[in-house]
Amino acid sequence: EAKTTPGLVARLWGATRCAGVDAGTPLISDPGSRLVVAAVEAGVL
């Protein structure tokens, strides 16, 4: 997640739509939370 998040945020800026799939409750304590925070900080969300 640390290595992949910046590239995913760049893809989101480019209007790429992504969805997250998780084994449990999504985006609470999983890698998705890091992506959401990074996207918000970058102004994507």
All heavy atoms as atom14 arrays in JSON, in Angstrom:
{
  "sequence": "EAKTTPGLVARLWGATRCAGVDAGTPLISDPGSRLVVAAVEAGVL",
  "atom14_mask": [
    [1, 1, 1, 1, 1, 1, 1, 1, 1, 0, 0, 0, 0, 0],
    [1, 1, 1, 1, 1, 0, 0, 0, 0, 0, 0, 0, 0, 0],
    [1, 1, 1, 1, 1, 1, 1, 1, 1, 0, 0, 0, 0, 0],
    [1, 1, 1, 1, 1, 1, 1, 0, 0, 0, 0, 0, 0, 0],
    [1, 1, 1, 1, 1, 1, 1, 0, 0, 0, 0, 0, 0, 0],
    [1, 1, 1, 1, 1, 1, 1, 0, 0, 0, 0, 0, 0, 0],
    [1, 1, 1, 1, 0, 0, 0, 0, 0, 0, 0, 0, 0, 0],
    [1, 1, 1, 1, 1, 1, 1, 1, 0, 0, 0, 0, 0, 0],
    [1, 1, 1, 1, 1, 1, 1, 0, 0, 0, 0, 0, 0, 0],
    [1, 1, 1, 1, 1, 0, 0, 0, 0, 0, 0, 0, 0, 0],
    [1, 1, 1, 1, 1, 1, 1, 1, 1, 1, 1, 0, 0, 0],
    [1, 1, 1, 1, 1, 1, 1, 1, 0, 0, 0, 0, 0, 0],
    [1, 1, 1, 1, 1, 1, 1, 1, 1, 1, 1, 1, 1, 1],
    [1, 1, 1, 1, 0, 0, 0, 0, 0, 0, 0, 0, 0, 0],
    [1, 1, 1, 1, 1, 0, 0, 0, 0, 0, 0, 0, 0, 0],
    [1, 1, 1, 1, 1, 1, 1, 0, 0, 0, 0, 0, 0, 0],
    [1, 1, 1, 1, 1, 1, 1, 1, 1, 1, 1, 0, 0, 0],
    [1, 1, 1, 1, 1, 1, 0, 0, 0, 0, 0, 0, 0, 0],
    [1, 1, 1, 1, 1, 0, 0, 0, 0, 0, 0, 0, 0, 0],
    [1, 1, 1, 1, 0, 0, 0, 0, 0, 0, 0, 0, 0, 0],
    [1, 1, 1, 1, 1, 1, 1, 0, 0, 0, 0, 0, 0, 0],
    [1, 1, 1, 1, 1, 1, 1, 1, 0, 0, 0, 0, 0, 0],
    [1, 1, 1, 1, 1, 0, 0, 0, 0, 0, 0, 0, 0, 0],
    [1, 1, 1, 1, 0, 0, 0, 0, 0, 0, 0, 0, 0, 0],
    [1, 1, 1, 1, 1, 1, 1, 0, 0, 0, 0, 0, 0, 0],
    [1, 1, 1, 1, 1, 1, 1, 0, 0, 0, 0, 0, 0, 0],
    [1, 1, 1, 1, 1, 1, 1, 1, 0, 0, 0, 0, 0, 0],
    [1, 1, 1, 1, 1, 1, 1, 1, 0, 0, 0, 0, 0, 0],
    [1, 1, 1, 1, 1, 1, 0, 0, 0, 0, 0, 0, 0, 0],
    [1, 1, 1, 1, 1, 1, 1, 1, 0, 0, 0, 0, 0, 0],
    [1, 1, 1, 1, 1, 1, 1, 0, 0, 0, 0, 0, 0, 0],
    [1, 1, 1, 1, 0, 0, 0, 0, 0, 0, 0, 0, 0, 0],
    [1, 1, 1, 1, 1, 1, 0, 0, 0, 0, 0, 0, 0, 0],
    [1, 1, 1, 1, 1, 1, 1, 1, 1, 1, 1, 0, 0, 0],
    [1, 1, 1, 1, 1, 1, 1, 1, 0, 0, 0, 0, 0, 0],
    [1, 1, 1, 1, 1, 1, 1, 0, 0, 0, 0, 0, 0, 0],
    [1, 1, 1, 1, 1, 1, 1, 0, 0, 0, 0, 0, 0, 0],
    [1, 1, 1, 1, 1, 0, 0, 0, 0, 0, 0, 0, 0, 0],
    [1, 1, 1, 1, 1, 0, 0, 0, 0, 0, 0, 0, 0, 0],
    [1, 1, 1, 1, 1, 1, 1, 0, 0, 0, 0, 0, 0, 0],
    [1, 1, 1, 1, 1, 1, 1, 1, 1, 0, 0, 0, 0, 0],
    [1, 1, 1, 1, 1, 0, 0, 0, 0, 0, 0, 0, 0, 0],
    [1, 1, 1, 1, 0, 0, 0, 0, 0, 0, 0, 0, 0, 0],
    [1, 1, 1, 1, 1, 1, 1, 0, 0, 0, 0, 0, 0, 0],
    [1, 1, 1, 1, 1, 1, 1, 1, 0, 0, 0, 0, 0, 0]
  ],
  "atom14_positions": [
    [[0.8, -1.22, 0.0], [0.0, 0.0, 0.0], [0.84, 1.28, 0.0], [0.49, 2.23, -0.71], [-1.0, 0.01, 1.15], [-0.34, 0.07, 2.52], [-1.36, 0.14, 3.65], [-2.42, 0.75, 3.47], [-1.06, -0.41, 4.71], [0.0, 0.0, 0.0], [0.0, 0.0, 0.0], [0.0, 0.0, 0.0], [0.0, 0.0, 0.0], [0.0, 0.0, 0.0]],
    [[1.91, 1.33, 0.75], [2.72, 2.55, 0.79], [3.31, 2.85, -0.57], [3.33, 4.01, -1.01], [3.83, 2.41, 1.84], [0.0, 0.0, 0.0], [0.0, 0.0, 0.0], [0.0, 0.0, 0.0], [0.0, 0.0, 0.0], [0.0, 0.0, 0.0], [0.0, 0.0, 0.0], [0.0, 0.0, 0.0], [0.0, 0.0, 0.0], [0.0, 0.0, 0.0]],
    [[3.75, 1.83, -1.27], [4.36, 2.0, -2.59], [3.31, 2.25, -3.68], [3.54, 3.01, -4.61], [5.16, 0.73, -2.93], [5.85, 0.75, -4.25], [6.63, -0.54, -4.45], [7.22, -0.6, -5.85], [7.9, -1.88, -6.08], [0.0, 0.0, 0.0], [0.0, 0.0, 0.0], [0.0, 0.0, 0.0], [0.0, 0.0, 0.0], [0.0, 0.0, 0.0]],
    [[2.15, 1.63, -3.56], [1.13, 1.66, -4.6], [0.2, 2.87, -4.52], [-0.31, 3.33, -5.55], [0.29, 0.36, -4.52], [1.17, -0.75, -4.54], [-0.67, 0.24, -5.67], [0.0, 0.0, 0.0], [0.0, 0.0, 0.0], [0.0, 0.0, 0.0], [0.0, 0.0, 0.0], [0.0, 0.0, 0.0], [0.0, 0.0, 0.0], [0.0, 0.0, 0.0]],
    [[-0.02, 3.4, -3.34], [-1.0, 4.48, -3.15], [-0.75, 5.7, -4.03], [-1.69, 6.19, -4.66], [-1.08, 4.88, -1.66], [-1.55, 3.74, -0.92], [-2.02, 6.05, -1.43], [0.0, 0.0, 0.0], [0.0, 0.0, 0.0], [0.0, 0.0, 0.0], [0.0, 0.0, 0.0], [0.0, 0.0, 0.0], [0.0, 0.0, 0.0], [0.0, 0.0, 0.0]],
    [[0.47, 6.24, -4.14], [0.66, 7.43, -4.99], [0.24, 7.2, -6.45], [-0.38, 8.07, -7.06], [2.17, 7.71, -4.88], [2.57, 7.12, -3.57], [1.71, 5.88, -3.43], [0.0, 0.0, 0.0], [0.0, 0.0, 0.0], [0.0, 0.0, 0.0], [0.0, 0.0, 0.0], [0.0, 0.0, 0.0], [0.0, 0.0, 0.0], [0.0, 0.0, 0.0]],
    [[0.54, 6.04, -7.0], [0.15, 5.74, -8.37], [-1.35, 5.63, -8.52], [-1.93, 6.07, -9.53], [0.0, 0.0, 0.0], [0.0, 0.0, 0.0], [0.0, 0.0, 0.0], [0.0, 0.0, 0.0], [0.0, 0.0, 0.0], [0.0, 0.0, 0.0], [0.0, 0.0, 0.0], [0.0, 0.0, 0.0], [0.0, 0.0, 0.0], [0.0, 0.0, 0.0]],
    [[-2.01, 5.08, -7.51], [-3.47, 4.98, -7.56], [-4.12, 6.35, -7.47], [-5.09, 6.64, -8.17], [-3.98, 4.07, -6.45], [-3.65, 2.59, -6.63], [-4.05, 1.8, -5.38], [-4.35, 2.02, -7.86], [0.0, 0.0, 0.0], [0.0, 0.0, 0.0], [0.0, 0.0, 0.0], [0.0, 0.0, 0.0], [0.0, 0.0, 0.0], [0.0, 0.0, 0.0]],
    [[-3.58, 7.22, -6.63], [-4.11, 8.59, -6.54], [-3.94, 9.29, -7.88], [-4.85, 9.98, -8.35], [-3.43, 9.38, -5.38], [-3.8, 10.85, -5.44], [-3.82, 8.77, -4.04], [0.0, 0.0, 0.0], [0.0, 0.0, 0.0], [0.0, 0.0, 0.0], [0.0, 0.0, 0.0], [0.0, 0.0, 0.0], [0.0, 0.0, 0.0], [0.0, 0.0, 0.0]],
    [[-2.82, 9.09, -8.53], [-2.6, 9.69, -9.86], [-3.63, 9.16, -10.86], [-4.15, 9.92, -11.68], [-1.18, 9.4, -10.35], [0.0, 0.0, 0.0], [0.0, 0.0, 0.0], [0.0, 0.0, 0.0], [0.0, 0.0, 0.0], [0.0, 0.0, 0.0], [0.0, 0.0, 0.0], [0.0, 0.0, 0.0], [0.0, 0.0, 0.0], [0.0, 0.0, 0.0]],
    [[-3.91, 7.87, -10.8], [-4.93, 7.29, -11.69], [-6.3, 7.9, -11.42], [-7.06, 8.16, -12.34], [-5.0, 5.77, -11.51], [-3.81, 5.04, -12.11], [-3.88, 3.56, -11.87], [-4.91, 2.94, -12.71], [-5.09, 1.64, -12.79], [-4.34, 0.81, -12.09], [-6.04, 1.15, -13.57], [0.0, 0.0, 0.0], [0.0, 0.0, 0.0], [0.0, 0.0, 0.0]],
    [[-6.6, 8.12, -10.14], [-7.89, 8.72, -9.8], [-7.98, 10.15, -10.3], [-9.04, 10.59, -10.76], [-8.11, 8.67, -8.28], [-8.3, 7.27, -7.69], [-8.31, 7.34, -6.17], [-9.57, 6.62, -8.22], [0.0, 0.0, 0.0], [0.0, 0.0, 0.0], [0.0, 0.0, 0.0], [0.0, 0.0, 0.0], [0.0, 0.0, 0.0], [0.0, 0.0, 0.0]],
    [[-6.87, 10.89, -10.26], [-6.84, 12.25, -10.81], [-7.1, 12.2, -12.31], [-7.69, 13.11, -12.87], [-5.49, 12.93, -10.56], [-5.51, 13.82, -9.37], [-4.79, 13.63, -8.21], [-6.26, 15.01, -9.19], [-5.07, 14.63, -7.33], [-5.97, 15.5, -7.9], [-7.17, 15.71, -9.97], [-6.54, 16.66, -7.39], [-7.75, 16.86, -9.46], [-7.43, 17.32, -8.19]],
    [[-6.67, 11.15, -12.96], [-6.88, 11.0, -14.4], [-8.26, 10.46, -14.72], [-8.51, 10.01, -15.83], [0.0, 0.0, 0.0], [0.0, 0.0, 0.0], [0.0, 0.0, 0.0], [0.0, 0.0, 0.0], [0.0, 0.0, 0.0], [0.0, 0.0, 0.0], [0.0, 0.0, 0.0], [0.0, 0.0, 0.0], [0.0, 0.0, 0.0], [0.0, 0.0, 0.0]],
    [[-9.15, 10.48, -13.76], [-10.55, 10.06, -13.92], [-10.72, 8.55, -14.06], [-11.75, 8.09, -14.52], [-11.22, 10.79, -15.08], [0.0, 0.0, 0.0], [0.0, 0.0, 0.0], [0.0, 0.0, 0.0], [0.0, 0.0, 0.0], [0.0, 0.0, 0.0], [0.0, 0.0, 0.0], [0.0, 0.0, 0.0], [0.0, 0.0, 0.0], [0.0, 0.0, 0.0]],
    [[-9.72, 7.79, -13.68], [-9.86, 6.34, -13.66], [-10.74, 5.98, -12.47], [-10.53, 6.48, -11.37], [-8.49, 5.66, -13.51], [-7.69, 5.96, -14.64], [-8.63, 4.15, -13.38], [0.0, 0.0, 0.0], [0.0, 0.0, 0.0], [0.0, 0.0, 0.0], [0.0, 0.0, 0.0], [0.0, 0.0, 0.0], [0.0, 0.0, 0.0], [0.0, 0.0, 0.0]],
    [[-11.71, 5.13, -12.7], [-12.58, 4.69, -11.62], [-12.1, 3.34, -11.13], [-11.88, 2.42, -11.91], [-14.02, 4.6, -12.12], [-14.57, 5.96, -12.46], [-16.01, 5.89, -12.91], [-16.81, 5.32, -11.83], [-17.97, 4.72, -12.01], [-18.48, 4.61, -13.2], [-18.65, 4.23, -10.99], [0.0, 0.0, 0.0], [0.0, 0.0, 0.0], [0.0, 0.0, 0.0]],
    [[-11.92, 3.23, -9.82], [-11.49, 1.99, -9.19], [-12.48, 1.61, -8.1], [-13.15, 2.47, -7.55], [-10.11, 2.16, -8.55], [-8.81, 2.6, -9.69], [0.0, 0.0, 0.0], [0.0, 0.0, 0.0], [0.0, 0.0, 0.0], [0.0, 0.0, 0.0], [0.0, 0.0, 0.0], [0.0, 0.0, 0.0], [0.0, 0.0, 0.0], [0.0, 0.0, 0.0]],
    [[-12.54, 0.34, -7.79], [-13.36, -0.16, -6.69], [-12.48, -1.03, -5.81], [-11.58, -1.71, -6.3], [-14.53, -0.96, -7.22], [0.0, 0.0, 0.0], [0.0, 0.0, 0.0], [0.0, 0.0, 0.0], [0.0, 0.0, 0.0], [0.0, 0.0, 0.0], [0.0, 0.0, 0.0], [0.0, 0.0, 0.0], [0.0, 0.0, 0.0], [0.0, 0.0, 0.0]],
    [[-12.75, -1.0, -4.52], [-11.99, -1.83, -3.59], [-12.8, -3.03, -3.14], [-13.99, -2.91, -2.86], [0.0, 0.0, 0.0], [0.0, 0.0, 0.0], [0.0, 0.0, 0.0], [0.0, 0.0, 0.0], [0.0, 0.0, 0.0], [0.0, 0.0, 0.0], [0.0, 0.0, 0.0], [0.0, 0.0, 0.0], [0.0, 0.0, 0.0], [0.0, 0.0, 0.0]],
    [[-12.14, -4.18, -3.08], [-12.77, -5.4, -2.6], [-11.94, -5.89, -1.43], [-10.71, -5.93, -1.49], [-12.82, -6.47, -3.71], [-13.36, -7.77, -3.17], [-13.65, -5.98, -4.87], [0.0, 0.0, 0.0], [0.0, 0.0, 0.0], [0.0, 0.0, 0.0], [0.0, 0.0, 0.0], [0.0, 0.0, 0.0], [0.0, 0.0, 0.0], [0.0, 0.0, 0.0]],
    [[-12.61, -6.27, -0.36], [-11.95, -6.62, 0.87], [-12.53, -7.91, 1.43], [-13.67, -8.24, 1.14], [-12.15, -5.47, 1.86], [-11.31, -5.56, 3.08], [-11.08, -6.67, 3.56], [-10.87, -4.52, 3.57], [0.0, 0.0, 0.0], [0.0, 0.0, 0.0], [0.0, 0.0, 0.0], [0.0, 0.0, 0.0], [0.0, 0.0, 0.0], [0.0, 0.0, 0.0]],
    [[-11.8, -8.56, 2.27], [-12.28, -9.78, 2.89], [-13.2, -9.5, 4.09], [-13.98, -10.34, 4.48], [-11.1, -10.64, 3.34], [0.0, 0.0, 0.0], [0.0, 0.0, 0.0], [0.0, 0.0, 0.0], [0.0, 0.0, 0.0], [0.0, 0.0, 0.0], [0.0, 0.0, 0.0], [0.0, 0.0, 0.0], [0.0, 0.0, 0.0], [0.0, 0.0, 0.0]],
    [[-13.11, -8.31, 4.66], [-13.92, -7.97, 5.82], [-14.65, -6.66, 5.61], [-15.14, -6.38, 4.53], [0.0, 0.0, 0.0], [0.0, 0.0, 0.0], [0.0, 0.0, 0.0], [0.0, 0.0, 0.0], [0.0, 0.0, 0.0], [0.0, 0.0, 0.0], [0.0, 0.0, 0.0], [0.0, 0.0, 0.0], [0.0, 0.0, 0.0], [0.0, 0.0, 0.0]],
    [[-14.71, -5.84, 6.66], [-15.36, -4.54, 6.55], [-14.43, -3.61, 5.79], [-13.33, -3.31, 6.26], [-15.66, -3.96, 7.95], [-16.46, -4.91, 8.64], [-16.41, -2.64, 7.83], [0.0, 0.0, 0.0], [0.0, 0.0, 0.0], [0.0, 0.0, 0.0], [0.0, 0.0, 0.0], [0.0, 0.0, 0.0], [0.0, 0.0, 0.0], [0.0, 0.0, 0.0]],
    [[-14.82, -3.17, 4.6], [-13.9, -2.4, 3.76], [-13.57, -1.01, 4.29], [-14.42, -0.35, 4.87], [-14.63, -2.32, 2.42], [-16.04, -2.68, 2.7], [-16.08, -3.43, 3.99], [0.0, 0.0, 0.0], [0.0, 0.0, 0.0], [0.0, 0.0, 0.0], [0.0, 0.0, 0.0], [0.0, 0.0, 0.0], [0.0, 0.0, 0.0], [0.0, 0.0, 0.0]],
    [[-12.33, -0.63, 4.08], [-11.81, 0.71, 4.29], [-11.78, 1.18, 5.74], [-11.56, 2.34, 6.0], [-12.6, 1.73, 3.45], [-12.65, 1.45, 1.95], [-13.48, 2.52, 1.27], [-11.27, 1.4, 1.35], [0.0, 0.0, 0.0], [0.0, 0.0, 0.0], [0.0, 0.0, 0.0], [0.0, 0.0, 0.0], [0.0, 0.0, 0.0], [0.0, 0.0, 0.0]],
    [[-11.99, 0.3, 6.69], [-11.95, 0.72, 8.08], [-10.51, 0.68, 8.6], [-9.96, 1.69, 9.01], [-12.88, -0.14, 8.96], [-14.32, -0.07, 8.45], [-12.79, 0.26, 10.42], [-14.9, 1.32, 8.37], [0.0, 0.0, 0.0], [0.0, 0.0, 0.0], [0.0, 0.0, 0.0], [0.0, 0.0, 0.0], [0.0, 0.0, 0.0], [0.0, 0.0, 0.0]],
    [[-9.89, -0.48, 8.6], [-8.51, -0.57, 9.07], [-7.64, -1.26, 8.03], [-6.58, -1.75, 8.32], [-8.46, -1.36, 10.38], [-8.94, -2.67, 10.17], [0.0, 0.0, 0.0], [0.0, 0.0, 0.0], [0.0, 0.0, 0.0], [0.0, 0.0, 0.0], [0.0, 0.0, 0.0], [0.0, 0.0, 0.0], [0.0, 0.0, 0.0], [0.0, 0.0, 0.0]],
    [[-8.12, -1.27, 6.83], [-7.43, -1.96, 5.75], [-6.66, -0.98, 4.88], [-6.74, 0.23, 5.08], [-8.46, -2.71, 4.9], [-9.16, -3.8, 5.7], [-8.44, -4.62, 6.29], [-10.38, -3.79, 5.76], [0.0, 0.0, 0.0], [0.0, 0.0, 0.0], [0.0, 0.0, 0.0], [0.0, 0.0, 0.0], [0.0, 0.0, 0.0], [0.0, 0.0, 0.0]],
    [[-5.94, -1.48, 3.89], [-5.18, -0.6, 3.0], [-6.05, 0.48, 2.35], [-5.58, 1.56, 2.05], [-4.61, -1.54, 1.95], [-4.53, -2.85, 2.64], [-5.7, -2.89, 3.57], [0.0, 0.0, 0.0], [0.0, 0.0, 0.0], [0.0, 0.0, 0.0], [0.0, 0.0, 0.0], [0.0, 0.0, 0.0], [0.0, 0.0, 0.0], [0.0, 0.0, 0.0]],
    [[-7.31, 0.21, 2.17], [-8.21, 1.19, 1.56], [-8.27, 2.49, 2.34], [-8.43, 3.57, 1.75], [0.0, 0.0, 0.0], [0.0, 0.0, 0.0], [0.0, 0.0, 0.0], [0.0, 0.0, 0.0], [0.0, 0.0, 0.0], [0.0, 0.0, 0.0], [0.0, 0.0, 0.0], [0.0, 0.0, 0.0], [0.0, 0.0, 0.0], [0.0, 0.0, 0.0]],
    [[-8.09, 2.44, 3.64], [-8.14, 3.66, 4.44], [-6.99, 4.6, 4.06], [-7.16, 5.81, 3.98], [-8.11, 3.35, 5.94], [-6.92, 2.68, 6.28], [0.0, 0.0, 0.0], [0.0, 0.0, 0.0], [0.0, 0.0, 0.0], [0.0, 0.0, 0.0], [0.0, 0.0, 0.0], [0.0, 0.0, 0.0], [0.0, 0.0, 0.0], [0.0, 0.0, 0.0]],
    [[-5.82, 4.04, 3.79], [-4.68, 4.86, 3.37], [-4.97, 5.54, 2.03], [-4.67, 6.7, 1.83], [-3.41, 4.02, 3.25], [-2.2, 4.85, 2.8], [-0.98, 3.98, 2.55], [-0.48, 3.43, 3.78], [0.73, 3.67, 4.28], [1.57, 4.42, 3.61], [1.11, 3.14, 5.39], [0.0, 0.0, 0.0], [0.0, 0.0, 0.0], [0.0, 0.0, 0.0]],
    [[-5.59, 4.81, 1.11], [-5.91, 5.36, -0.2], [-6.95, 6.47, -0.09], [-6.83, 7.52, -0.72], [-6.42, 4.26, -1.14], [-6.81, 4.71, -2.54], [-5.65, 5.4, -3.26], [-7.3, 3.52, -3.35], [0.0, 0.0, 0.0], [0.0, 0.0, 0.0], [0.0, 0.0, 0.0], [0.0, 0.0, 0.0], [0.0, 0.0, 0.0], [0.0, 0.0, 0.0]],
    [[-7.96, 6.27, 0.74], [-8.98, 7.3, 0.93], [-8.36, 8.57, 1.51], [-8.61, 9.67, 1.02], [-10.14, 6.79, 1.82], [-11.08, 7.93, 2.2], [-10.9, 5.69, 1.09], [0.0, 0.0, 0.0], [0.0, 0.0, 0.0], [0.0, 0.0, 0.0], [0.0, 0.0, 0.0], [0.0, 0.0, 0.0], [0.0, 0.0, 0.0], [0.0, 0.0, 0.0]],
    [[-7.53, 8.43, 2.53], [-6.87, 9.6, 3.13], [-5.99, 10.31, 2.1], [-6.04, 11.53, 1.98], [-6.03, 9.17, 4.37], [-5.14, 10.3, 4.84], [-6.96, 8.74, 5.49], [0.0, 0.0, 0.0], [0.0, 0.0, 0.0], [0.0, 0.0, 0.0], [0.0, 0.0, 0.0], [0.0, 0.0, 0.0], [0.0, 0.0, 0.0], [0.0, 0.0, 0.0]],
    [[-5.22, 9.56, 1.33], [-4.34, 10.16, 0.33], [-5.15, 10.86, -0.76], [-4.79, 11.95, -1.21], [-3.44, 9.09, -0.3], [0.0, 0.0, 0.0], [0.0, 0.0, 0.0], [0.0, 0.0, 0.0], [0.0, 0.0, 0.0], [0.0, 0.0, 0.0], [0.0, 0.0, 0.0], [0.0, 0.0, 0.0], [0.0, 0.0, 0.0], [0.0, 0.0, 0.0]],
    [[-6.27, 10.27, -1.17], [-7.12, 10.9, -2.2], [-7.74, 12.17, -1.69], [-7.81, 13.17, -2.39], [-8.19, 9.9, -2.65], [0.0, 0.0, 0.0], [0.0, 0.0, 0.0], [0.0, 0.0, 0.0], [0.0, 0.0, 0.0], [0.0, 0.0, 0.0], [0.0, 0.0, 0.0], [0.0, 0.0, 0.0], [0.0, 0.0, 0.0], [0.0, 0.0, 0.0]],
    [[-8.18, 12.17, -0.44], [-8.76, 13.39, 0.16], [-7.69, 14.47, 0.27], [-7.92, 15.63, -0.09], [-9.38, 13.08, 1.55], [-9.71, 14.36, 2.29], [-10.63, 12.21, 1.38], [0.0, 0.0, 0.0], [0.0, 0.0, 0.0], [0.0, 0.0, 0.0], [0.0, 0.0, 0.0], [0.0, 0.0, 0.0], [0.0, 0.0, 0.0], [0.0, 0.0, 0.0]],
    [[-6.51, 14.1, 0.76], [-5.42, 15.08, 0.88], [-5.03, 15.66, -0.46], [-4.63, 16.82, -0.56], [-4.22, 14.45, 1.57], [-4.44, 14.19, 3.04], [-3.3, 13.46, 3.71], [-2.37, 12.98, 3.02], [-3.34, 13.35, 4.96], [0.0, 0.0, 0.0], [0.0, 0.0, 0.0], [0.0, 0.0, 0.0], [0.0, 0.0, 0.0], [0.0, 0.0, 0.0]],
    [[-5.13, 14.86, -1.52], [-4.77, 15.32, -2.87], [-5.91, 16.09, -3.53], [-5.74, 16.65, -4.62], [-4.38, 14.13, -3.74], [0.0, 0.0, 0.0], [0.0, 0.0, 0.0], [0.0, 0.0, 0.0], [0.0, 0.0, 0.0], [0.0, 0.0, 0.0], [0.0, 0.0, 0.0], [0.0, 0.0, 0.0], [0.0, 0.0, 0.0], [0.0, 0.0, 0.0]],
    [[-7.08, 16.1, -2.89], [-8.22, 16.82, -3.45], [-9.0, 16.04, -4.49], [-9.83, 16.62, -5.2], [0.0, 0.0, 0.0], [0.0, 0.0, 0.0], [0.0, 0.0, 0.0], [0.0, 0.0, 0.0], [0.0, 0.0, 0.0], [0.0, 0.0, 0.0], [0.0, 0.0, 0.0], [0.0, 0.0, 0.0], [0.0, 0.0, 0.0], [0.0, 0.0, 0.0]],
    [[-8.74, 14.75, -4.58], [-9.47, 13.91, -5.54], [-10.89, 13.67, -5.06], [-11.82, 13.67, -5.84], [-8.75, 12.57, -5.77], [-9.55, 11.66, -6.67], [-7.36, 12.8, -6.35], [0.0, 0.0, 0.0], [0.0, 0.0, 0.0], [0.0, 0.0, 0.0], [0.0, 0.0, 0.0], [0.0, 0.0, 0.0], [0.0, 0.0, 0.0], [0.0, 0.0, 0.0]],
    [[-11.06, 13.43, -3.77], [-12.39, 13.17, -3.19], [-12.87, 14.38, -2.42], [-12.16, 15.1, -1.85], [-12.33, 11.96, -2.25], [-11.92, 10.65, -2.88], [-11.84, 9.57, -1.8], [-12.93, 10.21, -3.92], [0.0, 0.0, 0.0], [0.0, 0.0, 0.0], [0.0, 0.0, 0.0], [0.0, 0.0, 0.0], [0.0, 0.0, 0.0], [0.0, 0.0, 0.0]]
  ]
}
